[in-house]
Protein backbone atom coordinates (compact mmCIF):
# COMPACT_ATOMS: atom_id res chain seq x y z
CA MET A 1 117.46 78.74 85.23
CA ASN A 2 117.95 79.08 89.00
CA GLN A 3 119.63 82.49 88.57
CA LEU A 4 116.82 83.63 86.29
CA LEU A 5 114.24 82.72 88.95
CA LYS A 6 116.23 84.58 91.60
CA LEU A 7 116.37 87.65 89.35
CA GLU A 8 112.61 87.45 88.90
CA GLU A 9 112.15 87.38 92.68
CA LEU A 10 114.56 90.31 93.05
CA GLY A 11 112.40 92.28 90.61
CA ILE A 12 109.28 91.52 92.64
CA PHE A 13 111.10 92.51 95.85
CA VAL A 14 112.12 95.86 94.32
CA LEU A 15 108.55 96.36 93.11
CA ALA A 16 107.34 95.78 96.69
CA ILE A 17 109.73 98.47 97.91
CA VAL A 18 108.33 100.85 95.29
CA GLY A 19 104.80 99.93 96.39
CA PHE A 20 105.73 100.57 100.01
CA ASN A 21 106.90 104.07 99.13
CA ILE A 22 103.34 104.94 98.11
CA LEU A 23 102.24 104.45 101.71
CA PRO A 24 102.42 107.15 104.40
CA TYR A 25 104.63 105.03 106.69
CA THR A 26 108.22 105.87 107.57
CA TRP A 27 110.94 103.78 105.93
CA TRP A 28 111.80 101.75 109.03
CA TYR A 29 108.39 100.00 108.97
CA PHE A 30 109.52 97.99 105.95
CA PRO A 31 112.55 96.24 107.50
CA ALA A 32 110.83 96.02 110.89
CA LEU A 33 107.89 94.09 109.44
CA LEU A 34 109.75 92.11 106.80
CA LEU A 35 110.25 88.96 108.89
CA LEU A 36 106.79 89.04 110.49
CA PRO A 37 105.29 86.49 108.05
CA ASP A 38 107.63 83.86 109.51
CA ILE A 39 105.19 83.69 112.42
CA GLY A 40 103.68 80.88 110.35
CA MET A 41 106.61 78.69 111.39
CA LEU A 42 105.09 78.47 114.87
CA GLY A 43 102.76 75.86 113.39
CA TYR A 44 105.70 73.45 113.35
CA LEU A 45 105.33 73.26 117.14
CA ALA A 46 102.19 71.20 116.43
CA GLY A 47 103.93 68.94 113.93
CA SER A 48 105.10 68.87 110.35
CA ARG A 49 101.65 68.76 108.74
CA VAL A 50 100.20 71.68 110.73
CA GLY A 51 103.48 73.54 110.33
CA ALA A 52 103.41 73.22 106.56
CA ILE A 53 99.81 74.45 106.43
CA CYS A 54 100.54 77.47 108.63
CA TYR A 55 103.78 78.31 106.86
CA ASN A 56 102.22 78.01 103.42
CA PHE A 57 99.26 80.19 104.44
CA PHE A 58 101.58 83.08 105.34
CA HIS A 59 103.83 82.50 102.32
CA HIS A 60 101.28 82.20 99.54
CA ARG A 61 101.08 84.91 96.91
CA LEU A 62 97.30 84.62 96.64
CA LEU A 63 96.95 85.87 100.23
CA ALA A 64 99.50 88.62 99.59
CA SER A 65 97.79 89.72 96.37
CA THR A 66 94.35 89.65 97.97
CA LEU A 67 95.48 91.83 100.87
CA LEU A 68 97.25 94.24 98.53
CA LEU A 69 94.29 94.58 96.19
CA ALA A 70 91.78 94.86 99.04
CA GLY A 71 93.91 97.60 100.62
CA TRP A 72 94.08 99.46 97.33
CA TYR A 73 90.39 99.02 96.51
CA PHE A 74 89.08 99.95 99.96
CA GLN A 75 91.81 102.55 100.46
CA MET A 76 92.98 100.87 103.66
CA ASP A 77 96.68 101.46 104.12
CA GLN A 78 96.99 98.68 106.72
CA LEU A 79 95.78 96.00 104.28
CA TYR A 80 97.93 97.42 101.50
CA LEU A 81 100.93 97.37 103.86
CA ALA A 82 100.23 93.76 104.86
CA GLY A 83 100.10 92.75 101.18
CA ILE A 84 103.33 94.61 100.35
CA ILE A 85 105.17 93.08 103.31
CA LEU A 86 103.99 89.58 102.37
CA ILE A 87 105.00 90.03 98.74
CA ALA A 88 108.44 91.34 99.74
CA HIS A 89 108.96 88.60 102.32
CA ILE A 90 107.92 85.83 99.95
CA SER A 91 110.26 87.12 97.25
CA LEU A 92 113.14 87.40 99.72
CA ASP A 93 112.51 83.84 100.92
CA ARG A 94 112.39 82.48 97.38
CA MET A 95 115.63 84.27 96.47
CA LEU A 96 117.20 82.40 99.40
CA GLY A 97 115.73 79.07 98.26
CA TYR A 98 112.85 78.80 100.75
CA GLY A 99 109.65 77.78 99.05
CA LEU A 100 106.25 76.48 100.04
CA LYS A 101 106.55 73.46 102.30
CA PHE A 102 105.53 69.86 101.87
CA SER A 103 104.19 68.19 105.00
CA ASP A 104 106.93 65.55 105.25
CA SER A 105 109.77 67.92 106.15
CA PHE A 106 110.45 71.64 106.61
CA ALA A 107 113.39 71.21 104.23
CA HIS A 108 111.19 69.82 101.42
CA THR A 109 109.89 72.77 99.40
CA HIS A 110 108.26 73.34 96.05
CA LEU A 111 111.67 74.61 94.92
CA GLY A 112 113.33 71.34 95.95
CA TRP A 113 115.22 70.36 99.09
CA LEU A 114 116.97 73.10 101.04
CA LYS A 115 120.68 72.96 100.21
CA ASN A 116 122.00 72.29 103.70
CA THR A 117 119.64 69.29 104.02
CA ALA A 118 119.84 67.91 100.48
CA SER A 119 122.72 65.59 101.33
CA GLU A 120 120.80 64.28 104.36
CA HIS A 121 117.81 63.50 102.12
CA ASP A 122 120.02 61.74 99.55
CA GLN A 123 121.37 59.42 102.25
CA LYS A 124 117.89 58.18 103.17
């Protein structure tokens, strides 16, 4: 099942690349902006609860879809680009096992515990 979910995310990532190609931006915008949504991790400087809220805000597909659709509807390339980048970033994160965060720990995601911290969690 895990491989099937990763393949699904790969398909969404490829779809985001196709969607990006509709835009008038040069190709290097895509990789340059791809990690920008991780700015939400700065919330962890204020604690685990605030960090989870900030991280989840920038990694939620509803925000990404809303930006994408608003950009398409209002013909605003910047909003469309923001939506595409969020969708691509979220899919890349989920392929790597990073999901939406619970407030108790950065390593506790809706996909389970991050692999490198799972053994630490089991010892508690």
